[in-house]
PDB file of N, CA and C in Angstrom:
ATOM      1  N   MET A   1     -18.380 -21.900 -14.727  1.00  0.00           N
ATOM      2  CA  MET A   1     -18.723 -21.054 -14.069  1.00  0.00           C
ATOM      3  C   MET A   1     -18.349 -20.668 -12.602  1.00  0.00           C
ATOM      4  N   SER A   2     -17.305 -19.692 -12.310  1.00  0.00           N
ATOM      5  CA  SER A   2     -16.527 -19.297 -11.150  1.00  0.00           C
ATOM      6  C   SER A   2     -16.510 -19.415  -9.696  1.00  0.00           C
ATOM      7  N   TYR A   3     -16.128 -20.013  -9.579  1.00  0.00           N
ATOM      8  CA  TYR A   3     -15.978 -20.546  -7.872  1.00  0.00           C
ATOM      9  C   TYR A   3     -16.209 -18.879  -7.004  1.00  0.00           C
ATOM     10  N   ASP A   4     -15.122 -18.186  -7.121  1.00  0.00           N
ATOM     11  CA  ASP A   4     -15.283 -16.797  -6.503  1.00  0.00           C
ATOM     12  C   ASP A   4     -14.984 -15.521  -7.312  1.00  0.00           C
ATOM     13  N   ARG A   5     -15.333 -14.354  -6.987  1.00  0.00           N
ATOM     14  CA  ARG A   5     -14.491 -13.353  -7.707  1.00  0.00           C
ATOM     15  C   ARG A   5     -15.072 -12.050  -6.978  1.00  0.00           C
ATOM     16  N   TYR A   6     -13.947 -11.278  -6.227  1.00  0.00           N
ATOM     17  CA  TYR A   6     -14.282 -10.401  -5.670  1.00  0.00           C
ATOM     18  C   TYR A   6     -13.040  -9.269  -5.923  1.00  0.00           C
ATOM     19  N   SER A   7     -12.912  -7.823  -5.532  1.00  0.00           N
ATOM     20  CA  SER A   7     -12.554  -6.930  -5.838  1.00  0.00           C
ATOM     21  C   SER A   7     -11.749  -6.179  -4.477  1.00  0.00           C
ATOM     22  N   ILE A   8     -10.918  -5.805  -4.426  1.00  0.00           N
ATOM     23  CA  ILE A   8     -10.731  -4.913  -2.706  1.00  0.00           C
ATOM     24  C   ILE A   8      -9.846  -3.371  -3.313  1.00  0.00           C
ATOM     25  N   GLU A   9     -10.355  -2.232  -2.249  1.00  0.00           N
ATOM     26  CA  GLU A   9      -9.683  -1.247  -3.055  1.00  0.00           C
ATOM     27  C   GLU A   9      -9.151  -1.029  -1.694  1.00  0.00           C
ATOM     28  N   TYR A  10      -7.258  -0.631  -2.254  1.00  0.00           N
ATOM     29  CA  TYR A  10      -6.095  -0.069  -1.188  1.00  0.00           C
ATOM     30  C   TYR A  10      -5.597   1.457  -1.995  1.00  0.00           C
ATOM     31  N   ARG A  11      -5.602   2.041  -0.718  1.00  0.00           N
ATOM     32  CA  ARG A  11      -4.922   3.359  -1.302  1.00  0.00           C
ATOM     33  C   ARG A  11      -3.681   3.506   0.079  1.00  0.00           C
ATOM     34  N   LEU A  12      -2.743   3.655  -1.087  1.00  0.00           N
ATOM     35  CA  LEU A  12      -1.372   3.947  -0.505  1.00  0.00           C
ATOM     36  C   LEU A  12      -0.813   5.598  -0.092  1.00  0.00           C
ATOM     37  N   THR A  13      -0.940   5.531   0.955  1.00  0.00           N
ATOM     38  CA  THR A  13      -0.361   6.696   1.639  1.00  0.00           C
ATOM     39  C   THR A  13       1.396   6.897   1.974  1.00  0.00           C
ATOM     40  N   VAL A  14       1.490   8.031   2.177  1.00  0.00           N
ATOM     41  CA  VAL A  14       2.721   8.479   2.971  1.00  0.00           C
ATOM     42  C   VAL A  14       3.239   7.809   3.700  1.00  0.00           C
ATOM     43  N   ASN A  15       2.466   6.924   4.589  1.00  0.00           N
ATOM     44  CA  ASN A  15       2.696   6.174   5.814  1.00  0.00           C
ATOM     45  C   ASN A  15       1.796   4.201   5.918  1.00  0.00           C
ATOM     46  N   GLY A  16       2.092   4.155   4.606  1.00  0.00           N
ATOM     47  CA  GLY A  16       1.735   2.835   4.170  1.00  0.00           C
ATOM     48  C   GLY A  16       0.371   2.574   3.909  1.00  0.00           C
ATOM     49  N   TRP A  17      -0.261   1.581   3.533  1.00  0.00           N
ATOM     50  CA  TRP A  17      -1.111   1.151   3.274  1.00  0.00           C
ATOM     51  C   TRP A  17      -2.535   1.192   3.768  1.00  0.00           C
ATOM     52  N   SER A  18      -3.445   1.612   3.008  1.00  0.00           N
ATOM     53  CA  SER A  18      -5.014   1.587   4.405  1.00  0.00           C
ATOM     54  C   SER A  18      -5.770   0.838   3.345  1.00  0.00           C
ATOM     55  N   SER A  19      -7.025   0.246   3.743  1.00  0.00           N
ATOM     56  CA  SER A  19      -7.688  -0.555   3.472  1.00  0.00           C
ATOM     57  C   SER A  19      -8.873   0.653   3.210  1.00  0.00           C
ATOM     58  N   GLU A  20      -9.511  -0.010   1.756  1.00  0.00           N
ATOM     59  CA  GLU A  20     -10.783   0.563   1.379  1.00  0.00           C
ATOM     60  C   GLU A  20     -11.816   1.491   2.566  1.00  0.00           C
ATOM     61  N   ASP A  21     -11.475   0.785   3.593  1.00  0.00           N
ATOM     62  CA  ASP A  21     -12.441   0.890   4.956  1.00  0.00           C
ATOM     63  C   ASP A  21     -11.990   1.887   5.999  1.00  0.00           C
ATOM     64  N   ALA A  22     -10.263   1.921   5.220  1.00  0.00           N
ATOM     65  CA  ALA A  22     -10.573   2.833   6.615  1.00  0.00           C
ATOM     66  C   ALA A  22      -9.899   4.496   6.017  1.00  0.00           C
ATOM     67  N   ASP A  23     -10.498   5.570   7.006  1.00  0.00           N
ATOM     68  CA  ASP A  23     -10.470   6.749   6.157  1.00  0.00           C
ATOM     69  C   ASP A  23      -8.336   7.317   6.234  1.00  0.00           C
ATOM     70  N   CYS A  24      -8.556   7.921   5.206  1.00  0.00           N
ATOM     71  CA  CYS A  24      -7.059   8.675   4.549  1.00  0.00           C
ATOM     72  C   CYS A  24      -7.453   9.929   4.580  1.00  0.00           C
ATOM     73  N   PRO A  25      -6.597  10.424   5.116  1.00  0.00           N
ATOM     74  CA  PRO A  25      -6.105  12.011   4.830  1.00  0.00           C
ATOM     75  C   PRO A  25      -6.036  12.205   3.693  1.00  0.00           C
ATOM     76  N   SER A  26      -6.408  13.127   2.738  1.00  0.00           N
ATOM     77  CA  SER A  26      -6.323  13.757   1.261  1.00  0.00           C
ATOM     78  C   SER A  26      -4.913  13.896   1.270  1.00  0.00           C
ATOM     79  N   GLY A  27      -4.548  14.344   2.166  1.00  0.00           N
ATOM     80  CA  GLY A  27      -2.734  15.143   1.743  1.00  0.00           C
ATOM     81  C   GLY A  27      -1.787  13.767   1.558  1.00  0.00           C
ATOM     82  N   ASP A  28      -2.560  12.943   2.715  1.00  0.00           N
ATOM     83  CA  ASP A  28      -1.644  11.317   2.615  1.00  0.00           C
ATOM     84  C   ASP A  28      -1.653  10.672   1.423  1.00  0.00           C
ATOM     85  N   HIS A  29      -3.013  10.888   0.862  1.00  0.00           N
ATOM     86  CA  HIS A  29      -3.244   9.730  -0.666  1.00  0.00           C
ATOM     87  C   HIS A  29      -2.676   9.956  -1.395  1.00  0.00           C
ATOM     88  N   VAL A  30      -1.915   8.526  -1.994  1.00  0.00           N
ATOM     89  CA  VAL A  30      -0.675   8.996  -3.224  1.00  0.00           C
ATOM     90  C   VAL A  30      -1.191   8.686  -4.272  1.00  0.00           C
ATOM     91  N   GLU A  31      -1.962   7.274  -4.027  1.00  0.00           N
ATOM     92  CA  GLU A  31      -2.311   6.147  -5.250  1.00  0.00           C
ATOM     93  C   GLU A  31      -3.551   5.514  -4.504  1.00  0.00           C
ATOM     94  N   THR A  32      -4.601   4.829  -5.401  1.00  0.00           N
ATOM     95  CA  THR A  32      -5.731   4.163  -5.401  1.00  0.00           C
ATOM     96  C   THR A  32      -5.793   2.814  -6.252  1.00  0.00           C
ATOM     97  N   TRP A  33      -5.472   1.293  -5.251  1.00  0.00           N
ATOM     98  CA  TRP A  33      -5.406  -0.060  -6.595  1.00  0.00           C
ATOM     99  C   TRP A  33      -6.334  -0.784  -5.832  1.00  0.00           C
ATOM    100  N   GLU A  34      -6.265  -1.230  -6.849  1.00  0.00           N
ATOM    101  CA  GLU A  34      -7.655  -2.054  -7.077  1.00  0.00           C
ATOM    102  C   GLU A  34      -6.869  -3.513  -7.135  1.00  0.00           C
ATOM    103  N   LYS A  35      -6.968  -4.585  -6.042  1.00  0.00           N
ATOM    104  CA  LYS A  35      -6.764  -5.976  -6.426  1.00  0.00           C
ATOM    105  C   LYS A  35      -8.058  -6.814  -6.529  1.00  0.00           C
ATOM    106  N   GLN A  36      -8.248  -7.537  -7.839  1.00  0.00           N
ATOM    107  CA  GLN A  36      -9.078  -8.336  -8.040  1.00  0.00           C
ATOM    108  C   GLN A  36      -8.639 -10.008  -8.195  1.00  0.00           C
ATOM    109  N   VAL A  37      -9.628 -10.766  -7.355  1.00  0.00           N
ATOM    110  CA  VAL A  37      -8.957 -12.039  -6.975  1.00  0.00           C
ATOM    111  C   VAL A  37     -10.314 -12.664  -7.689  1.00  0.00           C
ATOM    112  N   HIS A  38     -10.002 -13.904  -8.851  1.00  0.00           N
ATOM    113  CA  HIS A  38     -10.999 -14.613  -8.943  1.00  0.00           C
ATOM    114  C   HIS A  38     -10.217 -16.196  -8.690  1.00  0.00           C
ATOM    115  N   GLN A  39     -11.017 -16.848  -8.336  1.00  0.00           N
ATOM    116  CA  GLN A  39     -11.128 -18.689  -8.164  1.00  0.00           C
ATOM    117  C   GLN A  39     -12.040 -19.157  -8.704  1.00  0.00           C
ATOM    118  N   GLY A  40     -11.371 -20.193  -9.816  1.00  0.00           N
ATOM    119  CA  GLY A  40     -12.058 -20.519 -10.791  1.00  0.00           C
ATOM    120  C   GLY A  40     -12.664 -22.018 -10.277  1.00  0.00           C
ATOM    121  N   SER A  41     -12.485 -22.601  -9.162  1.00  0.00           N
ATOM    122  CA  SER A  41     -13.156 -23.573  -8.711  1.00  0.00           C
ATOM    123  C   SER A  41     -12.877 -23.968  -7.260  1.00  0.00           C
ATOM    124  N   GLU A  42     -13.755 -24.161  -6.411  1.00  0.00           N
ATOM    125  CA  GLU A  42     -13.391 -24.811  -5.013  1.00  0.00           C
ATOM    126  C   GLU A  42     -12.041 -24.941  -4.911  1.00  0.00           C
ATOM    127  N   PHE A  43     -11.287 -25.842  -5.264  1.00  0.00           N
ATOM    128  CA  PHE A  43      -9.961 -26.342  -5.167  1.00  0.00           C
ATOM    129  C   PHE A  43      -9.125 -25.296  -5.756  1.00  0.00           C
ATOM    130  N   GLY A  44      -9.422 -24.629  -6.256  1.00  0.00           N
ATOM    131  CA  GLY A  44      -8.070 -24.080  -7.563  1.00  0.00           C
ATOM    132  C   GLY A  44      -7.869 -22.726  -6.430  1.00  0.00           C
ATOM    133  N   ARG A  45      -6.616 -22.885  -7.082  1.00  0.00           N
ATOM    134  CA  ARG A  45      -5.518 -21.594  -6.809  1.00  0.00           C
ATOM    135  C   ARG A  45      -6.823 -19.958  -7.188  1.00  0.00           C
ATOM    136  N   GLU A  46      -6.360 -19.233  -6.358  1.00  0.00           N
ATOM    137  CA  GLU A  46      -6.226 -17.996  -6.618  1.00  0.00           C
ATOM    138  C   GLU A  46      -5.859 -17.245  -7.371  1.00  0.00           C
ATOM    139  N   SER A  47      -6.322 -16.390  -8.145  1.00  0.00           N
ATOM    140  CA  SER A  47      -5.677 -15.620  -9.059  1.00  0.00           C
ATOM    141  C   SER A  47      -5.659 -14.371  -9.118  1.00  0.00           C
ATOM    142  N   ALA A  48      -5.006 -13.527  -8.739  1.00  0.00           N
ATOM    143  CA  ALA A  48      -5.326 -12.430  -8.788  1.00  0.00           C
ATOM    144  C   ALA A  48      -3.897 -11.027  -9.681  1.00  0.00           C
ATOM    145  N   HIS A  49      -4.536  -9.655  -9.598  1.00  0.00           N
ATOM    146  CA  HIS A  49      -4.311  -8.899 -10.804  1.00  0.00           C
ATOM    147  C   HIS A  49      -4.481  -7.631  -9.771  1.00  0.00           C
ATOM    148  N   TRP A  50      -3.622  -6.796  -9.583  1.00  0.00           N
ATOM    149  CA  TRP A  50      -3.457  -5.530  -9.257  1.00  0.00           C
ATOM    150  C   TRP A  50      -3.414  -4.726 -10.594  1.00  0.00           C
ATOM    151  N   ARG A  51      -4.483  -3.413 -10.325  1.00  0.00           N
ATOM    152  CA  ARG A  51      -4.349  -2.586 -11.328  1.00  0.00           C
ATOM    153  C   ARG A  51      -4.660  -1.129 -10.599  1.00  0.00           C
ATOM    154  N   ARG A  52      -3.867   0.052 -10.918  1.00  0.00           N
ATOM    155  CA  ARG A  52      -3.967   1.088 -10.795  1.00  0.00           C
ATOM    156  C   ARG A  52      -5.250   2.016 -10.857  1.00  0.00           C
ATOM    157  N   LEU A  53      -6.134   2.846  -9.977  1.00  0.00           N
ATOM    158  CA  LEU A  53      -6.909   3.328 -10.151  1.00  0.00           C
ATOM    159  C   LEU A  53      -6.773   4.861 -10.489  1.00  0.00           C
ATOM    160  N   TRP A  54      -6.311   5.779  -9.749  1.00  0.00           N
ATOM    161  CA  TRP A  54      -5.650   6.908  -9.528  1.00  0.00           C
ATOM    162  C   TRP A  54      -4.305   6.750  -8.725  1.00  0.00           C
ATOM    163  N   SER A  55      -3.403   7.857  -9.481  1.00  0.00           N
ATOM    164  CA  SER A  55      -2.501   8.510  -8.843  1.00  0.00           C
ATOM    165  C   SER A  55      -1.973   9.760  -8.418  1.00  0.00           C
ATOM    166  N   ASN A  56      -1.752  10.255  -7.333  1.00  0.00           N
ATOM    167  CA  ASN A  56      -1.576  12.084  -7.186  1.00  0.00           C
ATOM    168  C   ASN A  56      -0.836  12.293  -7.974  1.00  0.00           C
ATOM    169  N   PRO A  57      -1.000  13.694  -8.574  1.00  0.00           N
ATOM    170  CA  PRO A  57      -0.503  13.962  -9.769  1.00  0.00           C
ATOM    171  C   PRO A  57       0.857  14.577  -9.293  1.00  0.00           C
ATOM    172  N   SER A  58       0.981  15.320  -7.881  1.00  0.00           N
ATOM    173  CA  SER A  58       1.796  15.794  -7.028  1.00  0.00           C
ATOM    174  C   SER A  58       3.101  14.934  -6.847  1.00  0.00           C
ATOM    175  N   PHE A  59       2.706  13.634  -6.994  1.00  0.00           N
ATOM    176  CA  PHE A  59       4.505  12.785  -7.050  1.00  0.00           C
ATOM    177  C   PHE A  59       4.618  12.169  -8.251  1.00  0.00           C
ATOM    178  N   THR A  60       6.139  12.021  -8.484  1.00  0.00           N
ATOM    179  CA  THR A  60       6.603  12.257  -9.757  1.00  0.00           C
ATOM    180  C   THR A  60       6.705  10.245  -9.590  1.00  0.00           C
ATOM    181  N   GLU A  61       6.793   9.404 -10.452  1.00  0.00           N
ATOM    182  CA  GLU A  61       7.520   8.172 -10.500  1.00  0.00           C
ATOM    183  C   GLU A  61       8.239   7.796  -9.827  1.00  0.00           C
ATOM    184  N   GLU A  62       9.394   8.779 -10.047  1.00  0.00           N
ATOM    185  CA  GLU A  62      10.558   8.461  -8.782  1.00  0.00           C
ATOM    186  C   GLU A  62       9.763   8.047  -7.182  1.00  0.00           C
ATOM    187  N   GLN A  63       9.432   9.200  -6.943  1.00  0.00           N
ATOM    188  CA  GLN A  63       8.580   9.086  -5.399  1.00  0.00           C
ATOM    189  C   GLN A  63       7.684   8.262  -5.298  1.00  0.00           C
ATOM    190  N   LEU A  64       7.166   7.519  -6.335  1.00  0.00           N
ATOM    191  CA  LEU A  64       5.954   6.367  -6.560  1.00  0.00           C
ATOM    192  C   LEU A  64       6.630   5.140  -6.140  1.00  0.00           C
ATOM    193  N   ALA A  65       8.027   5.184  -6.309  1.00  0.00           N
ATOM    194  CA  ALA A  65       8.597   3.710  -6.896  1.00  0.00           C
ATOM    195  C   ALA A  65       8.945   3.934  -5.577  1.00  0.00           C
ATOM    196  N   GLU A  66      10.062   4.912  -5.175  1.00  0.00           N
ATOM    197  CA  GLU A  66      10.585   4.624  -3.885  1.00  0.00           C
ATOM    198  C   GLU A  66       9.267   4.135  -2.517  1.00  0.00           C
ATOM    199  N   LEU A  67       7.891   4.950  -2.861  1.00  0.00           N
ATOM    200  CA  LEU A  67       7.029   4.359  -1.887  1.00  0.00           C
ATOM    201  C   LEU A  67       6.713   2.476  -1.951  1.00  0.00           C
ATOM    202  N   HIS A  68       6.873   2.611  -3.329  1.00  0.00           N
ATOM    203  CA  HIS A  68       6.447   0.773  -3.612  1.00  0.00           C
ATOM    204  C   HIS A  68       7.723   0.151  -2.694  1.00  0.00           C
ATOM    205  N   GLU A  69       8.548   0.660  -3.392  1.00  0.00           N
ATOM    206  CA  GLU A  69      10.492  -0.227  -2.124  1.00  0.00           C
ATOM    207  C   GLU A  69       9.990  -0.121  -0.899  1.00  0.00           C
ATOM    208  N   GLN A  70       8.973   0.872  -0.178  1.00  0.00           N
ATOM    209  CA  GLN A  70       8.919   1.094   1.445  1.00  0.00           C
ATOM    210  C   GLN A  70       7.946   0.626   1.613  1.00  0.00           C
ATOM    211  N   PHE A  71       7.133   0.857   0.692  1.00  0.00           N
ATOM    212  CA  PHE A  71       5.612  -0.648   1.475  1.00  0.00           C
ATOM    213  C   PHE A  71       5.295  -1.514   0.374  1.00  0.00           C
ATOM    214  N   PRO A  72       5.704  -2.451  -0.157  1.00  0.00           N
ATOM    215  CA  PRO A  72       5.133  -3.588  -1.035  1.00  0.00           C
ATOM    216  C   PRO A  72       3.818  -3.618  -0.797  1.00  0.00           C
ATOM    217  N   PHE A  73       3.379  -4.078  -1.985  1.00  0.00           N
ATOM    218  CA  PHE A  73       1.898  -4.665  -1.843  1.00  0.00           C
ATOM    219  C   PHE A  73       1.351  -5.318  -0.960  1.00  0.00           C
ATOM    220  N   PRO A  74       0.438  -5.297  -0.241  1.00  0.00           N
ATOM    221  CA  PRO A  74      -0.111  -5.890   0.306  1.00  0.00           C
ATOM    222  C   PRO A  74      -0.257  -7.134   0.613  1.00  0.00           C
ATOM    223  N   GLU A  75      -0.256  -8.416  -0.463  1.00  0.00           N
ATOM    224  CA  GLU A  75      -0.560  -9.559  -0.588  1.00  0.00           C
ATOM    225  C   GLU A  75       1.481 -10.023  -1.148  1.00  0.00           C
ATOM    226  N   ARG A  76       1.616  -9.449  -0.861  1.00  0.00           N
ATOM    227  CA  ARG A  76       3.692  -9.986  -0.899  1.00  0.00           C
ATOM    228  C   ARG A  76       4.229 -10.067   0.426  1.00  0.00           C
ATOM    229  N   GLY A  77       3.681 -10.534   1.297  1.00  0.00           N
ATOM    230  CA  GLY A  77       4.071 -10.503   2.875  1.00  0.00           C
ATOM    231  C   GLY A  77       4.765 -12.233   2.842  1.00  0.00           C
ATOM    232  N   LYS A  78       5.708 -12.456   3.443  1.00  0.00           N
ATOM    233  CA  LYS A  78       6.508 -14.042   3.700  1.00  0.00           C
ATOM    234  C   LYS A  78       5.348 -15.410   4.002  1.00  0.00           C
ATOM    235  N   THR A  79       4.439 -14.226   5.287  1.00  0.00           N
ATOM    236  CA  THR A  79       3.544 -15.105   5.721  1.00  0.00           C
ATOM    237  C   THR A  79       2.221 -14.892   5.917  1.00  0.00           C
ATOM    238  N   THR A  80       1.154 -15.675   6.615  1.00  0.00           N
ATOM    239  CA  THR A  80       0.121 -15.112   6.658  1.00  0.00           C
ATOM    240  C   THR A  80       0.020 -14.013   7.868  1.00  0.00           C
ATOM    241  N   ALA A  81       1.183 -13.868   8.352  1.00  0.00           N
ATOM    242  CA  ALA A  81       1.345 -12.676   9.486  1.00  0.00           C
ATOM    243  C   ALA A  81       1.380 -11.211   9.078  1.00  0.00           C
ATOM    244  N   ASP A  82       2.327 -11.923   7.742  1.00  0.00           N
ATOM    245  CA  ASP A  82       3.249 -10.163   7.042  1.00  0.00           C
ATOM    246  C   ASP A  82       2.034  -9.773   6.138  1.00  0.00           C
ATOM    247  N   LEU A  83       0.896 -10.566   6.116  1.00  0.00           N
ATOM    248  CA  LEU A  83       0.282 -10.382   4.408  1.00  0.00           C
ATOM    249  C   LEU A  83      -0.760  -8.637   4.575  1.00  0.00           C
ATOM    250  N   PHE A  84      -0.896  -8.698   5.900  1.00  0.00           N
ATOM    251  CA  PHE A  84      -1.054  -7.060   6.084  1.00  0.00           C
ATOM    252  C   PHE A  84       0.038  -5.610   6.814  1.00  0.00           C
ATOM    253  N   LYS A  85       0.666  -6.413   6.660  1.00  0.00           N
ATOM    254  CA  LYS A  85       1.603  -5.988   7.937  1.00  0.00           C
ATOM    255  C   LYS A  85       1.792  -4.310   7.764  1.00  0.00           C
ATOM    256  N   ASN A  86       1.464  -3.732   5.756  1.00  0.00           N
ATOM    257  CA  ASN A  86       1.553  -2.646   5.670  1.00  0.00           C
ATOM    258  C   ASN A  86       0.421  -1.819   5.560  1.00  0.00           C
ATOM    259  N   ILE A  87      -0.546  -2.551   6.372  1.00  0.00           N
ATOM    260  CA  ILE A  87      -1.871  -1.392   5.553  1.00  0.00           C
ATOM    261  C   ILE A  87      -2.032  -0.692   7.168  1.00  0.00           C
ATOM    262  N   VAL A  88      -2.505   0.537   6.968  1.00  0.00           N
ATOM    263  CA  VAL A  88      -2.371   2.097   8.265  1.00  0.00           C
ATOM    264  C   VAL A  88      -3.638   1.566   8.632  1.00  0.00           C
ATOM    265  N   GLN A  89      -4.621   1.620   9.784  1.00  0.00           N
ATOM    266  CA  GLN A  89      -5.827   1.164  10.214  1.00  0.00           C
ATOM    267  C   GLN A  89      -6.105   2.712  10.944  1.00  0.00           C
TER     268      GLN A  89
END
């Protein structure tokens, strides 16, 4: 039996990442991603998996790659303070 399982949606905009609760102007919305997290036991490590749910067809793969280089996934910060530095509120 798993200890914990949850998912969070994030939206990549031309200005950075926003959480699922934040409003995102439709013209700025580039992609929607879901982060699925699973923790097998109370003391086990969390395992995270990202999947893209939607991509704005007016952006090329090259443009998306540039945005991902400029705004890395929220979980990839080096310290706790960096975890959400790219999330636009």
